[in-house]
Amino acid sequence: MKAILQFNLDNEDDAMAHARCIKSLDMALALWTFAGRVREIVDTSEDGKYIDADDVWEAWENVVTDRYNIRMDDLIK
C-alpha cells in the first residue's frame, strides 16, 4: 500500500500543509523531549509541587526552536 501526498508549493495553504507534514516527526520528538524536560524542572517543596513559568518557557524554546528547529509561525497562521 502506498500513499502519495501532493502539494502545490506556490499555494500558501498547501505550502503550510507541506511544512507540517515534513516537520511531524520533529514535532513528536520535541513534545516527547519537552515533557521529559518539564518533569526535570518541577520543583518539589514543602508546599507541594510547582513549576517556574520562566523555566518552562526556556525549556520550550530550547527543545522546540533550538534543538528541533520548529518555528511555530511557519506551521500555524
PDB file of N, CA and C in Angstrom:
ATOM      1  N   MET A   1       0.848  -1.166   0.000  1.00  0.00           N
ATOM      2  CA  MET A   1       0.000   0.000   0.000  1.00  0.00           C
ATOM      3  C   MET A   1       0.898   1.234   0.000  1.00  0.00           C
ATOM      4  N   LYS A   2       0.551   2.210  -0.791  1.00  0.00           N
ATOM      5  CA  LYS A   2       1.298   3.453  -0.882  1.00  0.00           C
ATOM      6  C   LYS A   2       0.365   4.632  -0.651  1.00  0.00           C
ATOM      7  N   ALA A   3       0.954   5.686  -0.170  1.00  0.00           N
ATOM      8  CA  ALA A   3       0.232   6.955  -0.067  1.00  0.00           C
ATOM      9  C   ALA A   3       1.150   8.034  -0.615  1.00  0.00           C
ATOM     10  N   ILE A   4       0.631   8.819  -1.482  1.00  0.00           N
ATOM     11  CA  ILE A   4       1.397   9.910  -2.066  1.00  0.00           C
ATOM     12  C   ILE A   4       0.671  11.214  -1.753  1.00  0.00           C
ATOM     13  N   LEU A   5       1.384  12.111  -1.120  1.00  0.00           N
ATOM     14  CA  LEU A   5       0.827  13.426  -0.803  1.00  0.00           C
ATOM     15  C   LEU A   5       1.357  14.410  -1.827  1.00  0.00           C
ATOM     16  N   GLN A   6       0.490  15.223  -2.360  1.00  0.00           N
ATOM     17  CA  GLN A   6       0.896  16.230  -3.324  1.00  0.00           C
ATOM     18  C   GLN A   6       0.541  17.606  -2.791  1.00  0.00           C
ATOM     19  N   PHE A   7       1.459  18.530  -2.999  1.00  0.00           N
ATOM     20  CA  PHE A   7       1.251  19.894  -2.552  1.00  0.00           C
ATOM     21  C   PHE A   7       1.624  20.848  -3.678  1.00  0.00           C
ATOM     22  N   ASN A   8       0.860  21.896  -3.811  1.00  0.00           N
ATOM     23  CA  ASN A   8       1.212  22.981  -4.716  1.00  0.00           C
ATOM     24  C   ASN A   8       1.943  24.010  -3.860  1.00  0.00           C
ATOM     25  N   LEU A   9       3.263  24.011  -3.928  1.00  0.00           N
ATOM     26  CA  LEU A   9       4.054  24.868  -3.046  1.00  0.00           C
ATOM     27  C   LEU A   9       3.960  26.345  -3.414  1.00  0.00           C
ATOM     28  N   ASP A  10       3.309  26.641  -4.524  1.00  0.00           N
ATOM     29  CA  ASP A  10       3.040  28.043  -4.870  1.00  0.00           C
ATOM     30  C   ASP A  10       1.800  28.559  -4.148  1.00  0.00           C
ATOM     31  N   ASN A  11       1.013  27.635  -3.584  1.00  0.00           N
ATOM     32  CA  ASN A  11      -0.189  27.987  -2.839  1.00  0.00           C
ATOM     33  C   ASN A  11       0.171  28.054  -1.353  1.00  0.00           C
ATOM     34  N   GLU A  12      -0.152  29.170  -0.718  1.00  0.00           N
ATOM     35  CA  GLU A  12       0.242  29.393   0.681  1.00  0.00           C
ATOM     36  C   GLU A  12      -0.290  28.313   1.629  1.00  0.00           C
ATOM     37  N   ASP A  13      -1.551  27.935   1.477  1.00  0.00           N
ATOM     38  CA  ASP A  13      -2.129  26.907   2.348  1.00  0.00           C
ATOM     39  C   ASP A  13      -1.470  25.546   2.119  1.00  0.00           C
ATOM     40  N   ASP A  14      -1.226  25.191   0.861  1.00  0.00           N
ATOM     41  CA  ASP A  14      -0.557  23.929   0.561  1.00  0.00           C
ATOM     42  C   ASP A  14       0.887  23.928   1.071  1.00  0.00           C
ATOM     43  N   ALA A  15       1.553  25.058   0.941  1.00  0.00           N
ATOM     44  CA  ALA A  15       2.936  25.147   1.417  1.00  0.00           C
ATOM     45  C   ALA A  15       2.995  24.947   2.932  1.00  0.00           C
ATOM     46  N   MET A  16       2.028  25.493   3.651  1.00  0.00           N
ATOM     47  CA  MET A  16       1.986  25.315   5.095  1.00  0.00           C
ATOM     48  C   MET A  16       1.660  23.864   5.449  1.00  0.00           C
ATOM     49  N   ALA A  17       0.742  23.251   4.729  1.00  0.00           N
ATOM     50  CA  ALA A  17       0.414  21.842   4.959  1.00  0.00           C
ATOM     51  C   ALA A  17       1.639  20.964   4.704  1.00  0.00           C
ATOM     52  N   HIS A  18       2.410  21.294   3.682  1.00  0.00           N
ATOM     53  CA  HIS A  18       3.643  20.567   3.379  1.00  0.00           C
ATOM     54  C   HIS A  18       4.641  20.700   4.527  1.00  0.00           C
ATOM     55  N   ALA A  19       4.808  21.926   5.024  1.00  0.00           N
ATOM     56  CA  ALA A  19       5.731  22.155   6.146  1.00  0.00           C
ATOM     57  C   ALA A  19       5.303  21.349   7.369  1.00  0.00           C
ATOM     58  N   ARG A  20       4.019  21.268   7.623  1.00  0.00           N
ATOM     59  CA  ARG A  20       3.521  20.486   8.751  1.00  0.00           C
ATOM     60  C   ARG A  20       3.846  19.011   8.579  1.00  0.00           C
ATOM     61  N   CYS A  21       3.697  18.519   7.373  1.00  0.00           N
ATOM     62  CA  CYS A  21       3.986  17.098   7.114  1.00  0.00           C
ATOM     63  C   CYS A  21       5.466  16.785   7.310  1.00  0.00           C
ATOM     64  N   ILE A  22       6.337  17.635   6.782  1.00  0.00           N
ATOM     65  CA  ILE A  22       7.761  17.312   6.880  1.00  0.00           C
ATOM     66  C   ILE A  22       8.321  17.561   8.283  1.00  0.00           C
ATOM     67  N   LYS A  23       7.596  18.294   9.112  1.00  0.00           N
ATOM     68  CA  LYS A  23       8.040  18.553  10.482  1.00  0.00           C
ATOM     69  C   LYS A  23       7.337  17.667  11.511  1.00  0.00           C
ATOM     70  N   SER A  24       6.487  16.740  11.072  1.00  0.00           N
ATOM     71  CA  SER A  24       5.682  15.958  12.022  1.00  0.00           C
ATOM     72  C   SER A  24       6.539  15.102  12.950  1.00  0.00           C
ATOM     73  N   LEU A  25       7.586  14.452  12.453  1.00  0.00           N
ATOM     74  CA  LEU A  25       8.446  13.647  13.323  1.00  0.00           C
ATOM     75  C   LEU A  25       9.184  14.540  14.314  1.00  0.00           C
ATOM     76  N   ASP A  26       9.714  15.651  13.832  1.00  0.00           N
ATOM     77  CA  ASP A  26      10.389  16.596  14.729  1.00  0.00           C
ATOM     78  C   ASP A  26       9.436  17.088  15.808  1.00  0.00           C
ATOM     79  N   MET A  27       8.196  17.369  15.431  1.00  0.00           N
ATOM     80  CA  MET A  27       7.210  17.848  16.408  1.00  0.00           C
ATOM     81  C   MET A  27       6.939  16.790  17.464  1.00  0.00           C
ATOM     82  N   ALA A  28       6.762  15.545  17.049  1.00  0.00           N
ATOM     83  CA  ALA A  28       6.509  14.468  18.007  1.00  0.00           C
ATOM     84  C   ALA A  28       7.708  14.298  18.948  1.00  0.00           C
ATOM     85  N   LEU A  29       8.912  14.316  18.405  1.00  0.00           N
ATOM     86  CA  LEU A  29      10.112  14.181  19.241  1.00  0.00           C
ATOM     87  C   LEU A  29      10.274  15.376  20.175  1.00  0.00           C
ATOM     88  N   ALA A  30       9.970  16.556  19.677  1.00  0.00           N
ATOM     89  CA  ALA A  30      10.070  17.755  20.514  1.00  0.00           C
ATOM     90  C   ALA A  30       9.104  17.692  21.682  1.00  0.00           C
ATOM     91  N   LEU A  31       7.867  17.277  21.424  1.00  0.00           N
ATOM     92  CA  LEU A  31       6.883  17.181  22.504  1.00  0.00           C
ATOM     93  C   LEU A  31       7.306  16.146  23.532  1.00  0.00           C
ATOM     94  N   TRP A  32       7.826  15.014  23.073  1.00  0.00           N
ATOM     95  CA  TRP A  32       8.307  13.969  23.984  1.00  0.00           C
ATOM     96  C   TRP A  32       9.468  14.492  24.838  1.00  0.00           C
ATOM     97  N   THR A  33      10.417  15.159  24.196  1.00  0.00           N
ATOM     98  CA  THR A  33      11.575  15.714  24.902  1.00  0.00           C
ATOM     99  C   THR A  33      11.144  16.800  25.880  1.00  0.00           C
ATOM    100  N   PHE A  34      10.228  17.656  25.442  1.00  0.00           N
ATOM    101  CA  PHE A  34       9.755  18.737  26.303  1.00  0.00           C
ATOM    102  C   PHE A  34       9.047  18.195  27.532  1.00  0.00           C
ATOM    103  N   ALA A  35       8.222  17.174  27.357  1.00  0.00           N
ATOM    104  CA  ALA A  35       7.529  16.570  28.504  1.00  0.00           C
ATOM    105  C   ALA A  35       8.541  16.061  29.518  1.00  0.00           C
ATOM    106  N   GLY A  36       9.603  15.443  29.056  1.00  0.00           N
ATOM    107  CA  GLY A  36      10.658  14.981  29.960  1.00  0.00           C
ATOM    108  C   GLY A  36      11.365  16.134  30.645  1.00  0.00           C
ATOM    109  N   ARG A  37      11.602  17.203  29.897  1.00  0.00           N
ATOM    110  CA  ARG A  37      12.275  18.384  30.460  1.00  0.00           C
ATOM    111  C   ARG A  37      11.401  19.037  31.540  1.00  0.00           C
ATOM    112  N   VAL A  38      10.097  19.115  31.319  1.00  0.00           N
ATOM    113  CA  VAL A  38       9.201  19.689  32.330  1.00  0.00           C
ATOM    114  C   VAL A  38       9.254  18.853  33.603  1.00  0.00           C
ATOM    115  N   ARG A  39       9.273  17.528  33.462  1.00  0.00           N
ATOM    116  CA  ARG A  39       9.376  16.669  34.645  1.00  0.00           C
ATOM    117  C   ARG A  39      10.662  16.968  35.427  1.00  0.00           C
ATOM    118  N   GLU A  40      11.734  17.295  34.706  1.00  0.00           N
ATOM    119  CA  GLU A  40      13.011  17.604  35.363  1.00  0.00           C
ATOM    120  C   GLU A  40      12.967  18.917  36.138  1.00  0.00           C
ATOM    121  N   ILE A  41      12.211  19.895  35.635  1.00  0.00           N
ATOM    122  CA  ILE A  41      12.239  21.219  36.269  1.00  0.00           C
ATOM    123  C   ILE A  41      11.138  21.419  37.301  1.00  0.00           C
ATOM    124  N   VAL A  42      10.311  20.401  37.519  1.00  0.00           N
ATOM    125  CA  VAL A  42       9.307  20.510  38.577  1.00  0.00           C
ATOM    126  C   VAL A  42      10.050  20.566  39.909  1.00  0.00           C
ATOM    127  N   ASP A  43       9.753  21.569  40.680  1.00  0.00           N
ATOM    128  CA  ASP A  43      10.395  21.745  41.987  1.00  0.00           C
ATOM    129  C   ASP A  43       9.445  21.258  43.072  1.00  0.00           C
ATOM    130  N   THR A  44       9.914  20.320  43.849  1.00  0.00           N
ATOM    131  CA  THR A  44       9.104  19.839  44.959  1.00  0.00           C
ATOM    132  C   THR A  44       9.568  20.567  46.219  1.00  0.00           C
ATOM    133  N   SER A  45       8.655  21.270  46.839  1.00  0.00           N
ATOM    134  CA  SER A  45       8.957  21.989  48.066  1.00  0.00           C
ATOM    135  C   SER A  45       8.031  21.500  49.169  1.00  0.00           C
ATOM    136  N   GLU A  46       8.152  22.110  50.329  1.00  0.00           N
ATOM    137  CA  GLU A  46       7.288  21.734  51.446  1.00  0.00           C
ATOM    138  C   GLU A  46       5.825  21.993  51.128  1.00  0.00           C
ATOM    139  N   ASP A  47       5.566  22.985  50.282  1.00  0.00           N
ATOM    140  CA  ASP A  47       4.189  23.349  49.928  1.00  0.00           C
ATOM    141  C   ASP A  47       3.622  22.508  48.784  1.00  0.00           C
ATOM    142  N   GLY A  48       4.386  21.602  48.268  1.00  0.00           N
ATOM    143  CA  GLY A  48       3.925  20.794  47.134  1.00  0.00           C
ATOM    144  C   GLY A  48       4.782  21.050  45.913  1.00  0.00           C
ATOM    145  N   LYS A  49       4.255  20.683  44.766  1.00  0.00           N
ATOM    146  CA  LYS A  49       4.999  20.837  43.527  1.00  0.00           C
ATOM    147  C   LYS A  49       4.626  22.143  42.847  1.00  0.00           C
ATOM    148  N   TYR A  50       5.625  22.793  42.268  1.00  0.00           N
ATOM    149  CA  TYR A  50       5.343  23.961  41.463  1.00  0.00           C
ATOM    150  C   TYR A  50       6.373  24.044  40.350  1.00  0.00           C
ATOM    151  N   ILE A  51       6.008  24.753  39.296  1.00  0.00           N
ATOM    152  CA  ILE A  51       6.890  24.940  38.154  1.00  0.00           C
ATOM    153  C   ILE A  51       7.048  26.430  37.926  1.00  0.00           C
ATOM    154  N   ASP A  52       8.263  26.876  37.784  1.00  0.00           N
ATOM    155  CA  ASP A  52       8.536  28.265  37.463  1.00  0.00           C
ATOM    156  C   ASP A  52       8.232  28.482  35.978  1.00  0.00           C
ATOM    157  N   ALA A  53       7.359  29.423  35.667  1.00  0.00           N
ATOM    158  CA  ALA A  53       6.938  29.662  34.286  1.00  0.00           C
ATOM    159  C   ALA A  53       8.115  30.025  33.383  1.00  0.00           C
ATOM    160  N   ASP A  54       9.077  30.778  33.903  1.00  0.00           N
ATOM    161  CA  ASP A  54      10.253  31.130  33.097  1.00  0.00           C
ATOM    162  C   ASP A  54      11.064  29.896  32.723  1.00  0.00           C
ATOM    163  N   ASP A  55      11.166  28.943  33.649  1.00  0.00           N
ATOM    164  CA  ASP A  55      11.884  27.700  33.350  1.00  0.00           C
ATOM    165  C   ASP A  55      11.172  26.904  32.265  1.00  0.00           C
ATOM    166  N   VAL A  56       9.854  26.897  32.319  1.00  0.00           N
ATOM    167  CA  VAL A  56       9.077  26.170  31.307  1.00  0.00           C
ATOM    168  C   VAL A  56       9.260  26.818  29.942  1.00  0.00           C
ATOM    169  N   TRP A  57       9.142  28.141  29.870  1.00  0.00           N
ATOM    170  CA  TRP A  57       9.296  28.832  28.597  1.00  0.00           C
ATOM    171  C   TRP A  57      10.697  28.631  28.032  1.00  0.00           C
ATOM    172  N   GLU A  58      11.709  28.703  28.874  1.00  0.00           N
ATOM    173  CA  GLU A  58      13.092  28.481  28.431  1.00  0.00           C
ATOM    174  C   GLU A  58      13.264  27.053  27.903  1.00  0.00           C
ATOM    175  N   ALA A  59      12.676  26.092  28.590  1.00  0.00           N
ATOM    176  CA  ALA A  59      12.746  24.695  28.137  1.00  0.00           C
ATOM    177  C   ALA A  59      12.048  24.548  26.788  1.00  0.00           C
ATOM    178  N   TRP A  60      10.890  25.181  26.623  1.00  0.00           N
ATOM    179  CA  TRP A  60      10.160  25.119  25.353  1.00  0.00           C
ATOM    180  C   TRP A  60      11.027  25.658  24.218  1.00  0.00           C
ATOM    181  N   GLU A  61      11.576  26.845  24.409  1.00  0.00           N
ATOM    182  CA  GLU A  61      12.420  27.454  23.381  1.00  0.00           C
ATOM    183  C   GLU A  61      13.620  26.569  23.057  1.00  0.00           C
ATOM    184  N   ASN A  62      14.243  26.021  24.094  1.00  0.00           N
ATOM    185  CA  ASN A  62      15.420  25.182  23.896  1.00  0.00           C
ATOM    186  C   ASN A  62      15.085  23.927  23.102  1.00  0.00           C
ATOM    187  N   VAL A  63      14.022  23.260  23.482  1.00  0.00           N
ATOM    188  CA  VAL A  63      13.671  21.989  22.839  1.00  0.00           C
ATOM    189  C   VAL A  63      13.080  22.218  21.452  1.00  0.00           C
ATOM    190  N   VAL A  64      12.038  23.006  21.369  1.00  0.00           N
ATOM    191  CA  VAL A  64      11.288  23.128  20.115  1.00  0.00           C
ATOM    192  C   VAL A  64      12.053  23.946  19.075  1.00  0.00           C
ATOM    193  N   THR A  65      12.502  25.109  19.442  1.00  0.00           N
ATOM    194  CA  THR A  65      13.127  26.001  18.472  1.00  0.00           C
ATOM    195  C   THR A  65      14.591  25.654  18.230  1.00  0.00           C
ATOM    196  N   ASP A  66      15.371  25.568  19.300  1.00  0.00           N
ATOM    197  CA  ASP A  66      16.806  25.380  19.143  1.00  0.00           C
ATOM    198  C   ASP A  66      17.177  23.950  18.748  1.00  0.00           C
ATOM    199  N   ARG A  67      16.612  22.972  19.429  1.00  0.00           N
ATOM    200  CA  ARG A  67      17.010  21.578  19.196  1.00  0.00           C
ATOM    201  C   ARG A  67      16.368  20.970  17.951  1.00  0.00           C
ATOM    202  N   TYR A  68      15.072  21.243  17.734  1.00  0.00           N
ATOM    203  CA  TYR A  68      14.354  20.614  16.624  1.00  0.00           C
ATOM    204  C   TYR A  68      14.044  21.562  15.468  1.00  0.00           C
ATOM    205  N   ASN A  69      14.425  22.832  15.598  1.00  0.00           N
ATOM    206  CA  ASN A  69      14.247  23.821  14.540  1.00  0.00           C
ATOM    207  C   ASN A  69      12.792  23.901  14.066  1.00  0.00           C
ATOM    208  N   ILE A  70      11.874  23.880  15.026  1.00  0.00           N
ATOM    209  CA  ILE A  70      10.457  24.019  14.706  1.00  0.00           C
ATOM    210  C   ILE A  70      10.068  25.467  14.990  1.00  0.00           C
ATOM    211  N   ARG A  71       9.632  26.145  13.961  1.00  0.00           N
ATOM    212  CA  ARG A  71       9.175  27.524  14.085  1.00  0.00           C
ATOM    213  C   ARG A  71       7.647  27.497  13.976  1.00  0.00           C
ATOM    214  N   MET A  72       6.984  27.718  15.089  1.00  0.00           N
ATOM    215  CA  MET A  72       5.532  27.618  15.121  1.00  0.00           C
ATOM    216  C   MET A  72       4.886  28.565  14.108  1.00  0.00           C
ATOM    217  N   ASP A  73       5.481  29.733  13.889  1.00  0.00           N
ATOM    218  CA  ASP A  73       4.929  30.690  12.929  1.00  0.00           C
ATOM    219  C   ASP A  73       4.908  30.126  11.505  1.00  0.00           C
ATOM    220  N   ASP A  74       5.780  29.169  11.219  1.00  0.00           N
ATOM    221  CA  ASP A  74       5.799  28.549   9.888  1.00  0.00           C
ATOM    222  C   ASP A  74       4.713  27.487   9.740  1.00  0.00           C
ATOM    223  N   LEU A  75       4.153  27.026  10.857  1.00  0.00           N
ATOM    224  CA  LEU A  75       3.203  25.921  10.825  1.00  0.00           C
ATOM    225  C   LEU A  75       1.770  26.321  11.152  1.00  0.00           C
ATOM    226  N   ILE A  76       1.597  27.458  11.813  1.00  0.00           N
ATOM    227  CA  ILE A  76       0.283  27.920  12.244  1.00  0.00           C
ATOM    228  C   ILE A  76       0.135  29.373  11.808  1.00  0.00           C
ATOM    229  N   LYS A  77      -1.008  29.679  11.239  1.00  0.00           N
ATOM    230  CA  LYS A  77      -1.281  31.077  10.844  1.00  0.00           C
ATOM    231  C   LYS A  77      -1.807  31.838  12.017  1.00  0.00           C
TER     232      LYS A  77
END
